[in-house]
């Protein structure tokens, strides 16, 4: 029993050492990343995002990035850590290198804009993704999916998934005892061709 108790304490310490303020943080090799979006979100209006990164150890030039997918644009970067430097940026992708110190948390803050749906019905999803990468294991990501209705207003995730999972109605099938008679084409009528009347023969002029 005592062994189980100490094992539980050890697990708690391991998870606590790599935890961010977002319970949905993704961690690998002692490095954690999370992304949060301030809501509610509305199409065509800026929405603030926050990326949090934390490491158990000092790392030089840790690659950290933000990627958004079609329908989303990065409109502004408000704040990055002093020890981070940008290496690439456009409307859908930002990359930084950051020098981390073990146990410290760093934040990247900015704004995104979601485009308005182009049709008048349905639920639309938009994805915003934060990541870090290391040569040993590749890229680790944490993402947020935002759902908007046709008017561009944010929809609760559970409600959105219910509506997205609803199948389209199936066309009714005819009763089994119903006999379908194929259409009969109309008969073609052959009209007689006109025969020219004989021309009268006039007597020869004397």
Protein backbone atom coordinates (compact mmCIF):
# COMPACT_ATOMS: atom_id res chain seq x y z
CA UNK A 1 0.00 0.00 0.00
CA UNK A 2 2.84 2.37 0.88
CA UNK A 3 4.54 1.55 -2.43
CA UNK A 4 1.34 2.46 -4.30
CA UNK A 5 1.10 5.74 -2.37
CA UNK A 6 4.63 6.82 -3.30
CA UNK A 7 4.08 5.75 -6.90
CA UNK A 8 0.98 7.98 -7.04
CA UNK A 9 2.93 10.91 -5.59
CA UNK A 10 5.64 10.37 -8.21
CA UNK A 11 3.08 10.46 -11.03
CA UNK A 12 1.56 13.68 -9.67
CA UNK A 13 4.99 15.32 -9.52
CA UNK A 14 5.82 14.25 -13.07
CA UNK A 15 2.60 15.72 -14.47
CA UNK A 16 2.84 18.86 -12.36
CA UNK A 17 6.37 19.51 -13.58
CA UNK A 18 5.05 19.86 -17.08
CA UNK A 19 1.71 21.56 -16.72
CA UNK A 20 0.47 24.79 -18.22
CA UNK A 21 -2.42 26.98 -17.18
CA UNK A 22 -4.42 25.13 -19.84
CA UNK A 23 -5.36 21.62 -18.79
CA UNK A 24 -5.34 20.66 -22.46
CA UNK A 25 -1.59 21.29 -22.88
CA UNK A 26 0.38 18.84 -25.01
CA UNK A 27 3.73 17.69 -23.57
CA UNK A 28 6.75 15.76 -24.79
CA UNK A 29 10.17 15.22 -23.24
CA UNK A 30 9.52 17.74 -20.49
CA UNK A 31 8.23 20.48 -22.84
CA UNK A 32 4.57 21.58 -22.84
CA UNK A 33 2.58 23.82 -25.16
CA UNK A 34 -1.02 25.02 -25.12
CA UNK A 35 -3.15 27.50 -27.02
CA UNK A 36 -6.23 29.37 -25.80
CA UNK A 37 -8.70 31.58 -27.69
CA UNK A 38 -10.69 34.29 -25.90
CA UNK A 39 -14.36 33.94 -26.75
CA UNK A 40 -17.02 34.20 -27.78
CA UNK A 41 -15.63 34.49 -31.31
CA UNK A 42 -17.44 36.23 -34.15
CA UNK A 43 -16.59 36.20 -37.83
CA UNK A 44 -14.68 39.23 -39.21
CA UNK A 45 -13.85 40.46 -35.68
CA UNK A 46 -10.40 40.03 -34.06
CA UNK A 47 -10.13 37.27 -31.46
CA UNK A 48 -7.17 37.08 -29.08
CA UNK A 49 -5.06 33.95 -28.81
CA UNK A 50 -2.44 33.03 -26.21
CA UNK A 51 0.25 30.39 -26.68
CA UNK A 52 1.92 29.14 -23.49
CA UNK A 53 5.20 27.23 -23.56
CA UNK A 54 7.01 25.69 -20.60
CA UNK A 55 10.05 23.45 -20.30
CA UNK A 56 11.62 21.48 -17.46
CA UNK A 57 15.12 22.33 -18.67
CA UNK A 58 17.06 25.06 -20.43
CA UNK A 59 16.76 24.83 -24.22
CA UNK A 60 18.50 27.02 -26.78
CA UNK A 61 16.50 27.99 -29.87
CA UNK A 62 13.41 25.87 -29.32
CA UNK A 63 11.23 26.16 -32.46
CA UNK A 64 7.72 27.37 -31.58
CA UNK A 65 5.00 28.21 -34.08
CA UNK A 66 1.41 29.16 -34.81
CA UNK A 67 -0.47 27.84 -37.83
CA UNK A 68 -4.02 28.62 -38.95
CA UNK A 69 -5.98 26.95 -41.70
CA UNK A 70 -8.05 28.28 -44.62
CA UNK A 71 -10.74 30.65 -43.39
CA UNK A 72 -8.50 32.02 -40.61
CA UNK A 73 -5.88 34.80 -40.81
CA UNK A 74 -3.30 35.97 -38.27
CA UNK A 75 -4.02 39.68 -38.03
CA UNK A 76 -1.62 40.83 -35.30
CA UNK A 77 1.12 39.70 -32.90
CA UNK A 78 0.83 41.75 -29.72
CA UNK A 79 3.46 40.18 -27.48
CA UNK A 80 6.27 37.65 -27.62
CA UNK A 81 8.88 36.78 -24.96
CA UNK A 82 12.03 38.91 -24.92
CA UNK A 83 14.18 35.87 -25.57
CA UNK A 84 12.16 34.83 -28.66
CA UNK A 85 12.89 35.92 -32.21
CA UNK A 86 10.71 35.52 -35.31
CA UNK A 87 12.14 33.50 -38.19
CA UNK A 88 9.11 33.36 -40.54
CA UNK A 89 5.74 35.04 -40.76
CA UNK A 90 2.76 35.37 -43.07
CA UNK A 91 -1.03 35.43 -42.72
CA UNK A 92 -1.31 31.72 -41.89
CA UNK A 93 2.01 30.79 -40.24
CA UNK A 94 4.38 32.28 -37.64
CA UNK A 95 7.62 30.65 -36.51
CA UNK A 96 9.85 31.70 -33.61
CA UNK A 97 12.98 30.46 -31.86
CA UNK A 98 13.01 30.82 -28.09
CA UNK A 99 15.63 30.17 -25.41
CA UNK A 100 13.86 28.64 -22.43
CA UNK A 101 14.89 28.30 -18.80
CA UNK A 102 13.72 25.28 -16.86
CA UNK A 103 10.48 25.84 -14.94
CA UNK A 104 9.61 29.20 -16.53
CA UNK A 105 6.50 29.77 -18.63
CA UNK A 106 6.47 31.97 -21.74
CA UNK A 107 3.51 33.45 -23.62
CA UNK A 108 2.86 34.58 -27.19
CA UNK A 109 -0.21 36.78 -27.64
CA UNK A 110 -1.89 38.01 -30.80
CA UNK A 111 -5.10 38.19 -32.77
CA UNK A 112 -6.75 36.11 -35.46
CA UNK A 113 -9.74 36.83 -37.69
CA UNK A 114 -12.19 34.20 -38.93
CA UNK A 115 -13.84 34.68 -42.30
CA UNK A 116 -17.63 34.73 -42.53
CA UNK A 117 -19.32 31.61 -43.94
CA UNK A 118 -20.23 31.97 -47.60
CA UNK A 119 -23.52 30.03 -47.48
CA UNK A 120 -26.68 30.66 -45.49
CA UNK A 121 -26.94 27.36 -43.59
CA UNK A 122 -24.82 24.83 -41.69
CA UNK A 123 -21.98 24.78 -39.14
CA UNK A 124 -18.44 25.74 -40.08
CA UNK A 125 -15.21 24.77 -38.29
CA UNK A 126 -11.94 26.70 -38.06
CA UNK A 127 -8.67 25.32 -36.64
CA UNK A 128 -5.85 27.20 -34.90
CA UNK A 129 -2.74 25.18 -34.04
CA UNK A 130 0.33 25.86 -31.88
CA UNK A 131 3.41 23.65 -31.97
CA UNK A 132 7.01 23.12 -30.92
CA UNK A 133 9.52 20.75 -32.48
CA UNK A 134 12.72 18.92 -31.67
CA UNK A 135 14.96 16.75 -33.87
CA UNK A 136 14.56 13.80 -31.48
CA UNK A 137 10.78 13.43 -31.82
CA UNK A 138 9.53 15.91 -34.44
CA UNK A 139 6.58 18.23 -33.89
CA UNK A 140 4.15 18.33 -30.94
CA UNK A 141 0.91 20.28 -31.38
CA UNK A 142 -2.01 21.66 -29.42
CA UNK A 143 -5.01 22.97 -31.33
CA UNK A 144 -8.34 24.74 -30.90
CA UNK A 145 -11.35 24.23 -33.18
CA UNK A 146 -13.92 27.02 -33.33
CA UNK A 147 -17.41 26.46 -34.73
CA UNK A 148 -19.49 29.22 -36.29
CA UNK A 149 -23.03 29.21 -37.59
CA UNK A 150 -24.04 30.66 -40.94
CA UNK A 151 -24.35 34.14 -39.37
CA UNK A 152 -20.75 34.01 -38.15
CA UNK A 153 -21.54 33.53 -34.44
CA UNK A 154 -19.71 30.97 -32.30
CA UNK A 155 -21.57 27.74 -31.55
CA UNK A 156 -21.01 25.50 -28.55
CA UNK A 157 -18.75 22.58 -29.45
CA UNK A 158 -21.19 19.86 -28.35
CA UNK A 159 -24.07 21.47 -30.24
CA UNK A 160 -21.88 21.89 -33.32
CA UNK A 161 -20.81 18.25 -33.30
CA UNK A 162 -24.43 17.14 -32.96
CA UNK A 163 -25.46 19.24 -35.95
CA UNK A 164 -22.45 18.16 -37.99
CA UNK A 165 -23.25 14.52 -37.20
CA UNK A 166 -26.86 14.76 -38.35
CA UNK A 167 -27.37 12.87 -41.59
CA UNK A 168 -29.23 14.36 -44.48
CA UNK A 169 -32.80 12.96 -44.86
CA UNK A 170 -33.15 10.04 -47.24
CA UNK A 171 -35.67 10.32 -50.06
CA UNK A 172 -38.76 8.14 -49.38
CA UNK A 173 -38.97 4.81 -51.23
CA UNK A 174 -42.18 3.83 -53.04
CA UNK A 175 -44.47 1.19 -51.42
CA UNK A 176 -43.75 -2.41 -52.39
CA UNK A 177 -47.23 -2.88 -53.94
CA UNK A 178 -46.89 0.15 -56.16
CA UNK A 179 -46.60 -0.72 -59.86
CA UNK A 180 -44.72 1.80 -61.87
CA UNK A 181 -45.88 1.99 -65.49
CA UNK A 182 -43.26 3.36 -67.84
CA UNK A 183 -44.30 6.18 -70.06
CA UNK A 184 -45.41 5.14 -73.55
CA UNK A 185 -44.14 7.40 -76.27
CA UNK A 186 -46.73 9.11 -78.39
CA UNK A 187 -47.26 7.40 -81.82
CA UNK A 188 -45.72 9.15 -84.74
CA UNK A 189 -48.27 10.24 -87.36
CA UNK A 190 -47.11 10.15 -90.99
CA UNK A 191 -48.94 12.81 -92.88
CA UNK A 192 -49.41 12.23 -96.67
CA UNK A 193 -47.31 14.41 -98.87
CA UNK A 194 -49.20 16.90 -101.02
CA UNK A 195 -49.58 15.91 -104.70
CA UNK A 196 -49.58 18.90 -107.04
CA UNK A 197 -52.79 19.31 -109.07
CA UNK A 198 -52.49 18.76 -112.88
CA UNK A 199 -52.05 21.94 -114.87
CA UNK A 200 -54.87 22.60 -117.41
CA UNK A 201 -53.84 22.16 -121.08
CA UNK A 202 -54.79 25.17 -123.20
CA UNK A 203 -55.63 24.79 -126.92
CA UNK A 204 -52.96 25.95 -129.33
CA UNK A 205 -53.29 29.50 -130.44
CA UNK A 206 -54.53 29.59 -134.11
